[in-house]
Amino acid sequence: MSLDASTVAQIAHLARLGIDESAVGDYASSLGEILDFVEQLGEVDTTGVELLAHPLETTQRLRADEVSETDQRERFQAIAPAVADGLYLVPRVIE
């Protein structure tokens, strides 16, 4: 798929990228090659291929759900600048 200079400029604008006018031809060529490759991938017959979330059949190791730290809420709130009803009070930043 070939891209013209205006299409490359529009893509760069949408992506918020600044590109040199002298490099537009190279970008058009590279993007065209990428789109051609994606088109080739779309033509591959995948009937009978099962969808995978991960290429390896592994399970995630999980740790035991146990309390590892003691509750220190009262200690931390005692040194906080402003606390009310168990909540930390912070200065208003939005009017």
PDB file of N, CA and C in Angstrom:
ATOM      1  N   MET A   1       0.849  -1.165   0.000  1.00  0.00           N
ATOM      2  CA  MET A   1       0.000   0.000   0.000  1.00  0.00           C
ATOM      3  C   MET A   1       0.898   1.231   0.000  1.00  0.00           C
ATOM      4  N   SER A   2       0.669   2.109  -0.914  1.00  0.00           N
ATOM      5  CA  SER A   2       1.493   3.309  -0.974  1.00  0.00           C
ATOM      6  C   SER A   2       0.756   4.475  -0.323  1.00  0.00           C
ATOM      7  N   LEU A   3       1.500   5.269   0.399  1.00  0.00           N
ATOM      8  CA  LEU A   3       0.947   6.440   1.058  1.00  0.00           C
ATOM      9  C   LEU A   3       1.539   7.693   0.419  1.00  0.00           C
ATOM     10  N   ASP A   4       0.724   8.720   0.279  1.00  0.00           N
ATOM     11  CA  ASP A   4       1.247   9.971  -0.271  1.00  0.00           C
ATOM     12  C   ASP A   4       1.668  10.903   0.867  1.00  0.00           C
ATOM     13  N   ALA A   5       2.290  11.994   0.524  1.00  0.00           N
ATOM     14  CA  ALA A   5       2.841  12.928   1.507  1.00  0.00           C
ATOM     15  C   ALA A   5       1.751  13.524   2.399  1.00  0.00           C
ATOM     16  N   SER A   6       0.582  13.804   1.843  1.00  0.00           N
ATOM     17  CA  SER A   6      -0.482  14.407   2.652  1.00  0.00           C
ATOM     18  C   SER A   6      -1.009  13.421   3.698  1.00  0.00           C
ATOM     19  N   THR A   7      -1.074  12.139   3.349  1.00  0.00           N
ATOM     20  CA  THR A   7      -1.518  11.128   4.308  1.00  0.00           C
ATOM     21  C   THR A   7      -0.513  10.985   5.437  1.00  0.00           C
ATOM     22  N   VAL A   8       0.769  10.977   5.098  1.00  0.00           N
ATOM     23  CA  VAL A   8       1.813  10.889   6.124  1.00  0.00           C
ATOM     24  C   VAL A   8       1.763  12.118   7.026  1.00  0.00           C
ATOM     25  N   ALA A   9       1.560  13.279   6.466  1.00  0.00           N
ATOM     26  CA  ALA A   9       1.465  14.505   7.257  1.00  0.00           C
ATOM     27  C   ALA A   9       0.257  14.457   8.187  1.00  0.00           C
ATOM     28  N   GLN A  10      -0.859  13.915   7.696  1.00  0.00           N
ATOM     29  CA  GLN A  10      -2.055  13.811   8.523  1.00  0.00           C
ATOM     30  C   GLN A  10      -1.844  12.820   9.671  1.00  0.00           C
ATOM     31  N   ILE A  11      -1.195  11.687   9.390  1.00  0.00           N
ATOM     32  CA  ILE A  11      -0.887  10.705  10.428  1.00  0.00           C
ATOM     33  C   ILE A  11       0.026  11.326  11.479  1.00  0.00           C
ATOM     34  N   ALA A  12       1.027  12.055  11.039  1.00  0.00           N
ATOM     35  CA  ALA A  12       1.951  12.718  11.968  1.00  0.00           C
ATOM     36  C   ALA A  12       1.210  13.739  12.825  1.00  0.00           C
ATOM     37  N   HIS A  13       0.289  14.465  12.228  1.00  0.00           N
ATOM     38  CA  HIS A  13      -0.494  15.450  12.984  1.00  0.00           C
ATOM     39  C   HIS A  13      -1.350  14.754  14.041  1.00  0.00           C
ATOM     40  N   LEU A  14      -2.031  13.674  13.659  1.00  0.00           N
ATOM     41  CA  LEU A  14      -2.882  12.953  14.604  1.00  0.00           C
ATOM     42  C   LEU A  14      -2.073  12.332  15.738  1.00  0.00           C
ATOM     43  N   ALA A  15      -0.853  11.902  15.432  1.00  0.00           N
ATOM     44  CA  ALA A  15       0.019  11.309  16.440  1.00  0.00           C
ATOM     45  C   ALA A  15       0.811  12.355  17.203  1.00  0.00           C
ATOM     46  N   ARG A  16       0.604  13.617  16.856  1.00  0.00           N
ATOM     47  CA  ARG A  16       1.328  14.733  17.485  1.00  0.00           C
ATOM     48  C   ARG A  16       2.836  14.573  17.348  1.00  0.00           C
ATOM     49  N   LEU A  17       3.271  14.213  16.124  1.00  0.00           N
ATOM     50  CA  LEU A  17       4.686  14.048  15.816  1.00  0.00           C
ATOM     51  C   LEU A  17       5.127  15.138  14.859  1.00  0.00           C
ATOM     52  N   GLY A  18       6.288  15.657  15.095  1.00  0.00           N
ATOM     53  CA  GLY A  18       6.858  16.622  14.177  1.00  0.00           C
ATOM     54  C   GLY A  18       7.846  15.919  13.263  1.00  0.00           C
ATOM     55  N   ILE A  19       7.635  15.994  11.957  1.00  0.00           N
ATOM     56  CA  ILE A  19       8.544  15.348  11.015  1.00  0.00           C
ATOM     57  C   ILE A  19       9.040  16.378  10.007  1.00  0.00           C
ATOM     58  N   ASP A  20      10.250  16.179   9.532  1.00  0.00           N
ATOM     59  CA  ASP A  20      10.821  17.053   8.509  1.00  0.00           C
ATOM     60  C   ASP A  20      10.182  16.744   7.164  1.00  0.00           C
ATOM     61  N   GLU A  21       9.996  17.776   6.387  1.00  0.00           N
ATOM     62  CA  GLU A  21       9.430  17.590   5.046  1.00  0.00           C
ATOM     63  C   GLU A  21      10.329  16.706   4.186  1.00  0.00           C
ATOM     64  N   SER A  22      11.636  16.760   4.443  1.00  0.00           N
ATOM     65  CA  SER A  22      12.562  15.951   3.642  1.00  0.00           C
ATOM     66  C   SER A  22      12.457  14.463   3.972  1.00  0.00           C
ATOM     67  N   ALA A  23      11.904  14.116   5.134  1.00  0.00           N
ATOM     68  CA  ALA A  23      11.819  12.721   5.546  1.00  0.00           C
ATOM     69  C   ALA A  23      10.460  12.096   5.247  1.00  0.00           C
ATOM     70  N   VAL A  24       9.527  12.869   4.696  1.00  0.00           N
ATOM     71  CA  VAL A  24       8.179  12.360   4.444  1.00  0.00           C
ATOM     72  C   VAL A  24       8.212  11.157   3.501  1.00  0.00           C
ATOM     73  N   GLY A  25       9.050  11.191   2.500  1.00  0.00           N
ATOM     74  CA  GLY A  25       9.142  10.072   1.555  1.00  0.00           C
ATOM     75  C   GLY A  25       9.597   8.787   2.233  1.00  0.00           C
ATOM     76  N   ASP A  26      10.580   8.905   3.130  1.00  0.00           N
ATOM     77  CA  ASP A  26      11.048   7.718   3.861  1.00  0.00           C
ATOM     78  C   ASP A  26       9.958   7.169   4.766  1.00  0.00           C
ATOM     79  N   TYR A  27       9.251   8.081   5.440  1.00  0.00           N
ATOM     80  CA  TYR A  27       8.162   7.642   6.316  1.00  0.00           C
ATOM     81  C   TYR A  27       7.059   6.973   5.507  1.00  0.00           C
ATOM     82  N   ALA A  28       6.734   7.525   4.371  1.00  0.00           N
ATOM     83  CA  ALA A  28       5.688   6.942   3.526  1.00  0.00           C
ATOM     84  C   ALA A  28       6.084   5.544   3.082  1.00  0.00           C
ATOM     85  N   SER A  29       7.336   5.372   2.710  1.00  0.00           N
ATOM     86  CA  SER A  29       7.816   4.061   2.285  1.00  0.00           C
ATOM     87  C   SER A  29       7.763   3.051   3.432  1.00  0.00           C
ATOM     88  N   SER A  30       8.245   3.450   4.602  1.00  0.00           N
ATOM     89  CA  SER A  30       8.268   2.549   5.761  1.00  0.00           C
ATOM     90  C   SER A  30       6.855   2.176   6.212  1.00  0.00           C
ATOM     91  N   LEU A  31       5.983   3.179   6.292  1.00  0.00           N
ATOM     92  CA  LEU A  31       4.609   2.895   6.693  1.00  0.00           C
ATOM     93  C   LEU A  31       3.908   2.001   5.673  1.00  0.00           C
ATOM     94  N   GLY A  32       4.191   2.211   4.400  1.00  0.00           N
ATOM     95  CA  GLY A  32       3.609   1.364   3.365  1.00  0.00           C
ATOM     96  C   GLY A  32       4.044  -0.085   3.511  1.00  0.00           C
ATOM     97  N   GLU A  33       5.329  -0.297   3.829  1.00  0.00           N
ATOM     98  CA  GLU A  33       5.824  -1.659   4.033  1.00  0.00           C
ATOM     99  C   GLU A  33       5.156  -2.311   5.240  1.00  0.00           C
ATOM    100  N   ILE A  34       4.955  -1.543   6.289  1.00  0.00           N
ATOM    101  CA  ILE A  34       4.288  -2.081   7.482  1.00  0.00           C
ATOM    102  C   ILE A  34       2.850  -2.466   7.150  1.00  0.00           C
ATOM    103  N   LEU A  35       2.148  -1.607   6.443  1.00  0.00           N
ATOM    104  CA  LEU A  35       0.763  -1.907   6.084  1.00  0.00           C
ATOM    105  C   LEU A  35       0.679  -3.105   5.141  1.00  0.00           C
ATOM    106  N   ASP A  36       1.632  -3.247   4.231  1.00  0.00           N
ATOM    107  CA  ASP A  36       1.663  -4.425   3.363  1.00  0.00           C
ATOM    108  C   ASP A  36       1.848  -5.697   4.177  1.00  0.00           C
ATOM    109  N   PHE A  37       2.722  -5.646   5.183  1.00  0.00           N
ATOM    110  CA  PHE A  37       2.963  -6.814   6.027  1.00  0.00           C
ATOM    111  C   PHE A  37       1.713  -7.177   6.825  1.00  0.00           C
ATOM    112  N   VAL A  38       1.030  -6.170   7.349  1.00  0.00           N
ATOM    113  CA  VAL A  38      -0.212  -6.424   8.096  1.00  0.00           C
ATOM    114  C   VAL A  38      -1.254  -7.043   7.168  1.00  0.00           C
ATOM    115  N   GLU A  39      -1.291  -6.584   5.940  1.00  0.00           N
ATOM    116  CA  GLU A  39      -2.216  -7.153   4.964  1.00  0.00           C
ATOM    117  C   GLU A  39      -1.880  -8.626   4.690  1.00  0.00           C
ATOM    118  N   GLN A  40      -0.586  -8.946   4.601  1.00  0.00           N
ATOM    119  CA  GLN A  40      -0.166 -10.336   4.424  1.00  0.00           C
ATOM    120  C   GLN A  40      -0.604 -11.186   5.603  1.00  0.00           C
ATOM    121  N   LEU A  41      -0.474 -10.664   6.811  1.00  0.00           N
ATOM    122  CA  LEU A  41      -0.887 -11.405   8.000  1.00  0.00           C
ATOM    123  C   LEU A  41      -2.385 -11.683   7.983  1.00  0.00           C
ATOM    124  N   GLY A  42      -3.157 -10.741   7.457  1.00  0.00           N
ATOM    125  CA  GLY A  42      -4.598 -10.922   7.375  1.00  0.00           C
ATOM    126  C   GLY A  42      -5.005 -11.998   6.394  1.00  0.00           C
ATOM    127  N   GLU A  43      -4.137 -12.338   5.453  1.00  0.00           N
ATOM    128  CA  GLU A  43      -4.459 -13.353   4.451  1.00  0.00           C
ATOM    129  C   GLU A  43      -4.145 -14.774   4.916  1.00  0.00           C
ATOM    130  N   VAL A  44      -3.494 -14.923   6.049  1.00  0.00           N
ATOM    131  CA  VAL A  44      -3.122 -16.252   6.550  1.00  0.00           C
ATOM    132  C   VAL A  44      -4.368 -16.988   7.011  1.00  0.00           C
ATOM    133  N   ASP A  45      -4.475 -18.269   6.625  1.00  0.00           N
ATOM    134  CA  ASP A  45      -5.608 -19.099   7.019  1.00  0.00           C
ATOM    135  C   ASP A  45      -5.424 -19.543   8.472  1.00  0.00           C
ATOM    136  N   THR A  46      -6.301 -19.096   9.347  1.00  0.00           N
ATOM    137  CA  THR A  46      -6.205 -19.437  10.765  1.00  0.00           C
ATOM    138  C   THR A  46      -7.366 -20.298  11.236  1.00  0.00           C
ATOM    139  N   THR A  47      -8.057 -20.947  10.299  1.00  0.00           N
ATOM    140  CA  THR A  47      -9.147 -21.823  10.705  1.00  0.00           C
ATOM    141  C   THR A  47      -8.574 -22.993  11.488  1.00  0.00           C
ATOM    142  N   GLY A  48      -9.228 -23.317  12.566  1.00  0.00           N
ATOM    143  CA  GLY A  48      -8.775 -24.414  13.414  1.00  0.00           C
ATOM    144  C   GLY A  48      -7.693 -24.030  14.397  1.00  0.00           C
ATOM    145  N   VAL A  49      -7.256 -22.794  14.387  1.00  0.00           N
ATOM    146  CA  VAL A  49      -6.234 -22.338  15.328  1.00  0.00           C
ATOM    147  C   VAL A  49      -6.944 -21.783  16.554  1.00  0.00           C
ATOM    148  N   GLU A  50      -6.623 -22.340  17.703  1.00  0.00           N
ATOM    149  CA  GLU A  50      -7.271 -21.925  18.942  1.00  0.00           C
ATOM    150  C   GLU A  50      -6.649 -20.622  19.447  1.00  0.00           C
ATOM    151  N   LEU A  51      -7.499 -19.717  19.925  1.00  0.00           N
ATOM    152  CA  LEU A  51      -7.026 -18.449  20.457  1.00  0.00           C
ATOM    153  C   LEU A  51      -6.282 -18.684  21.769  1.00  0.00           C
ATOM    154  N   LEU A  52      -5.216 -17.946  21.970  1.00  0.00           N
ATOM    155  CA  LEU A  52      -4.420 -18.071  23.184  1.00  0.00           C
ATOM    156  C   LEU A  52      -4.295 -16.719  23.869  1.00  0.00           C
ATOM    157  N   ALA A  53      -4.294 -16.744  25.191  1.00  0.00           N
ATOM    158  CA  ALA A  53      -3.995 -15.531  25.936  1.00  0.00           C
ATOM    159  C   ALA A  53      -2.497 -15.403  26.110  1.00  0.00           C
ATOM    160  N   HIS A  54      -1.795 -16.537  26.050  1.00  0.00           N
ATOM    161  CA  HIS A  54      -0.355 -16.561  26.230  1.00  0.00           C
ATOM    162  C   HIS A  54       0.167 -17.767  25.461  1.00  0.00           C
ATOM    163  N   PRO A  55       1.312 -17.653  24.800  1.00  0.00           N
ATOM    164  CA  PRO A  55       1.802 -18.769  23.994  1.00  0.00           C
ATOM    165  C   PRO A  55       2.243 -19.983  24.811  1.00  0.00           C
ATOM    166  N   LEU A  56       2.538 -19.791  26.068  1.00  0.00           N
ATOM    167  CA  LEU A  56       2.933 -20.905  26.927  1.00  0.00           C
ATOM    168  C   LEU A  56       1.792 -21.238  27.873  1.00  0.00           C
ATOM    169  N   GLU A  57       1.579 -22.519  28.083  1.00  0.00           N
ATOM    170  CA  GLU A  57       0.501 -22.926  28.980  1.00  0.00           C
ATOM    171  C   GLU A  57       1.011 -22.923  30.415  1.00  0.00           C
ATOM    172  N   THR A  58       1.016 -21.756  31.013  1.00  0.00           N
ATOM    173  CA  THR A  58       1.474 -21.618  32.389  1.00  0.00           C
ATOM    174  C   THR A  58       0.400 -20.927  33.207  1.00  0.00           C
ATOM    175  N   THR A  59       0.485 -21.113  34.492  1.00  0.00           N
ATOM    176  CA  THR A  59      -0.410 -20.412  35.390  1.00  0.00           C
ATOM    177  C   THR A  59       0.424 -19.482  36.257  1.00  0.00           C
ATOM    178  N   GLN A  60      -0.193 -18.445  36.698  1.00  0.00           N
ATOM    179  CA  GLN A  60       0.514 -17.474  37.506  1.00  0.00           C
ATOM    180  C   GLN A  60       0.638 -17.991  38.936  1.00  0.00           C
ATOM    181  N   ARG A  61       1.854 -17.877  39.457  1.00  0.00           N
ATOM    182  CA  ARG A  61       2.067 -18.279  40.840  1.00  0.00           C
ATOM    183  C   ARG A  61       1.445 -17.239  41.747  1.00  0.00           C
ATOM    184  N   LEU A  62       0.651 -17.682  42.699  1.00  0.00           N
ATOM    185  CA  LEU A  62      -0.007 -16.780  43.619  1.00  0.00           C
ATOM    186  C   LEU A  62       0.543 -16.991  45.023  1.00  0.00           C
ATOM    187  N   ARG A  63       0.680 -15.918  45.754  1.00  0.00           N
ATOM    188  CA  ARG A  63       1.123 -16.041  47.133  1.00  0.00           C
ATOM    189  C   ARG A  63      -0.103 -16.169  48.029  1.00  0.00           C
ATOM    190  N   ALA A  64       0.123 -16.653  49.216  1.00  0.00           N
ATOM    191  CA  ALA A  64      -0.980 -16.792  50.166  1.00  0.00           C
ATOM    192  C   ALA A  64      -1.498 -15.412  50.557  1.00  0.00           C
ATOM    193  N   ASP A  65      -2.797 -15.287  50.706  1.00  0.00           N
ATOM    194  CA  ASP A  65      -3.418 -14.020  51.077  1.00  0.00           C
ATOM    195  C   ASP A  65      -3.392 -13.890  52.593  1.00  0.00           C
ATOM    196  N   GLU A  66      -2.259 -13.453  53.106  1.00  0.00           N
ATOM    197  CA  GLU A  66      -2.076 -13.327  54.545  1.00  0.00           C
ATOM    198  C   GLU A  66      -1.638 -11.912  54.884  1.00  0.00           C
ATOM    199  N   VAL A  67      -2.006 -11.460  56.074  1.00  0.00           N
ATOM    200  CA  VAL A  67      -1.588 -10.147  56.546  1.00  0.00           C
ATOM    201  C   VAL A  67      -0.095 -10.199  56.824  1.00  0.00           C
ATOM    202  N   SER A  68       0.641  -9.249  56.240  1.00  0.00           N
ATOM    203  CA  SER A  68       2.093  -9.236  56.431  1.00  0.00           C
ATOM    204  C   SER A  68       2.559  -8.022  57.231  1.00  0.00           C
ATOM    205  N   GLU A  69       1.681  -7.045  57.431  1.00  0.00           N
ATOM    206  CA  GLU A  69       2.031  -5.859  58.195  1.00  0.00           C
ATOM    207  C   GLU A  69       0.944  -5.581  59.218  1.00  0.00           C
ATOM    208  N   THR A  70       1.348  -5.008  60.322  1.00  0.00           N
ATOM    209  CA  THR A  70       0.369  -4.658  61.350  1.00  0.00           C
ATOM    210  C   THR A  70      -0.301  -3.343  60.984  1.00  0.00           C
ATOM    211  N   ASP A  71      -1.482  -3.123  61.543  1.00  0.00           N
ATOM    212  CA  ASP A  71      -2.231  -1.891  61.292  1.00  0.00           C
ATOM    213  C   ASP A  71      -1.580  -0.751  62.062  1.00  0.00           C
ATOM    214  N   GLN A  72      -1.059   0.247  61.347  1.00  0.00           N
ATOM    215  CA  GLN A  72      -0.397   1.389  61.965  1.00  0.00           C
ATOM    216  C   GLN A  72      -1.126   2.699  61.651  1.00  0.00           C
ATOM    217  N   ARG A  73      -2.413   2.587  61.401  1.00  0.00           N
ATOM    218  CA  ARG A  73      -3.191   3.765  61.000  1.00  0.00           C
ATOM    219  C   ARG A  73      -3.154   4.858  62.059  1.00  0.00           C
ATOM    220  N   GLU A  74      -3.383   4.502  63.315  1.00  0.00           N
ATOM    221  CA  GLU A  74      -3.394   5.500  64.385  1.00  0.00           C
ATOM    222  C   GLU A  74      -2.041   6.196  64.505  1.00  0.00           C
ATOM    223  N   ARG A  75      -0.976   5.449  64.361  1.00  0.00           N
ATOM    224  CA  ARG A  75       0.375   6.015  64.459  1.00  0.00           C
ATOM    225  C   ARG A  75       0.622   7.033  63.350  1.00  0.00           C
ATOM    226  N   PHE A  76       0.236   6.688  62.104  1.00  0.00           N
ATOM    227  CA  PHE A  76       0.465   7.587  60.980  1.00  0.00           C
ATOM    228  C   PHE A  76      -0.451   8.808  61.035  1.00  0.00           C
ATOM    229  N   GLN A  77      -1.675   8.622  61.491  1.00  0.00           N
ATOM    230  CA  GLN A  77      -2.581   9.761  61.576  1.00  0.00           C
ATOM    231  C   GLN A  77      -2.202  10.699  62.712  1.00  0.00           C
ATOM    232  N   ALA A  78      -1.511  10.190  63.709  1.00  0.00           N
ATOM    233  CA  ALA A  78      -1.070  11.044  64.816  1.00  0.00           C
ATOM    234  C   ALA A  78      -0.030  12.058  64.361  1.00  0.00           C
ATOM    235  N   ILE A  79       0.736  11.735  63.346  1.00  0.00           N
ATOM    236  CA  ILE A  79       1.763  12.656  62.857  1.00  0.00           C
ATOM    237  C   ILE A  79       1.341  13.413  61.601  1.00  0.00           C
ATOM    238  N   ALA A  80       0.125  13.155  61.122  1.00  0.00           N
ATOM    239  CA  ALA A  80      -0.366  13.840  59.922  1.00  0.00           C
ATOM    240  C   ALA A  80      -0.746  15.283  60.258  1.00  0.00           C
ATOM    241  N   PRO A  81      -0.583  16.213  59.318  1.00  0.00           N
ATOM    242  CA  PRO A  81      -0.916  17.614  59.583  1.00  0.00           C
ATOM    243  C   PRO A  81      -2.397  17.843  59.870  1.00  0.00           C
ATOM    244  N   ALA A  82      -3.286  17.142  59.150  1.00  0.00           N
ATOM    245  CA  ALA A  82      -4.727  17.352  59.351  1.00  0.00           C
ATOM    246  C   ALA A  82      -5.478  16.053  59.108  1.00  0.00           C
ATOM    247  N   VAL A  83      -6.300  15.678  60.112  1.00  0.00           N
ATOM    248  CA  VAL A  83      -7.078  14.439  60.039  1.00  0.00           C
ATOM    249  C   VAL A  83      -8.468  14.727  60.574  1.00  0.00           C
ATOM    250  N   ALA A  84      -9.488  14.122  59.960  1.00  0.00           N
ATOM    251  CA  ALA A  84     -10.858  14.233  60.461  1.00  0.00           C
ATOM    252  C   ALA A  84     -11.593  12.932  60.186  1.00  0.00           C
ATOM    253  N   ASP A  85     -12.187  12.366  61.213  1.00  0.00           N
ATOM    254  CA  ASP A  85     -12.970  11.130  61.099  1.00  0.00           C
ATOM    255  C   ASP A  85     -12.168  10.011  60.436  1.00  0.00           C
ATOM    256  N   GLY A  86     -10.888   9.918  60.739  1.00  0.00           N
ATOM    257  CA  GLY A  86     -10.050   8.859  60.200  1.00  0.00           C
ATOM    258  C   GLY A  86      -9.560   9.098  58.781  1.00  0.00           C
ATOM    259  N   LEU A  87      -9.815  10.281  58.227  1.00  0.00           N
ATOM    260  CA  LEU A  87      -9.390  10.600  56.863  1.00  0.00           C
ATOM    261  C   LEU A  87      -8.324  11.682  56.894  1.00  0.00           C
ATOM    262  N   TYR A  88      -7.398  11.624  55.949  1.00  0.00           N
ATOM    263  CA  TYR A  88      -6.372  12.653  55.811  1.00  0.00           C
ATOM    264  C   TYR A  88      -6.964  13.833  55.059  1.00  0.00           C
ATOM    265  N   LEU A  89      -6.796  15.024  55.619  1.00  0.00           N
ATOM    266  CA  LEU A  89      -7.295  16.230  54.970  1.00  0.00           C
ATOM    267  C   LEU A  89      -6.157  16.884  54.201  1.00  0.00           C
ATOM    268  N   VAL A  90      -6.448  17.287  52.979  1.00  0.00           N
ATOM    269  CA  VAL A  90      -5.435  17.926  52.122  1.00  0.00           C
ATOM    270  C   VAL A  90      -5.985  19.263  51.652  1.00  0.00           C
ATOM    271  N   PRO A  91      -5.108  20.197  51.290  1.00  0.00           N
ATOM    272  CA  PRO A  91      -5.580  21.501  50.815  1.00  0.00           C
ATOM    273  C   PRO A  91      -6.344  21.367  49.499  1.00  0.00           C
ATOM    274  N   ARG A  92      -7.329  22.215  49.328  1.00  0.00           N
ATOM    275  CA  ARG A  92      -8.106  22.231  48.090  1.00  0.00           C
ATOM    276  C   ARG A  92      -7.223  22.782  46.974  1.00  0.00           C
ATOM    277  N   VAL A  93      -7.191  22.084  45.835  1.00  0.00           N
ATOM    278  CA  VAL A  93      -6.369  22.524  44.717  1.00  0.00           C
ATOM    279  C   VAL A  93      -7.220  22.929  43.513  1.00  0.00           C
ATOM    280  N   ILE A  94      -8.505  22.612  43.550  1.00  0.00           N
ATOM    281  CA  ILE A  94      -9.405  22.968  42.446  1.00  0.00           C
ATOM    282  C   ILE A  94     -10.506  23.859  43.014  1.00  0.00           C
ATOM    283  N   GLU A  95     -10.715  24.978  42.379  1.00  0.00           N
ATOM    284  CA  GLU A  95     -11.744  25.922  42.842  1.00  0.00           C
ATOM    285  C   GLU A  95     -13.078  25.540  42.281  1.00  0.00           C
TER     286      GLU A  95
END
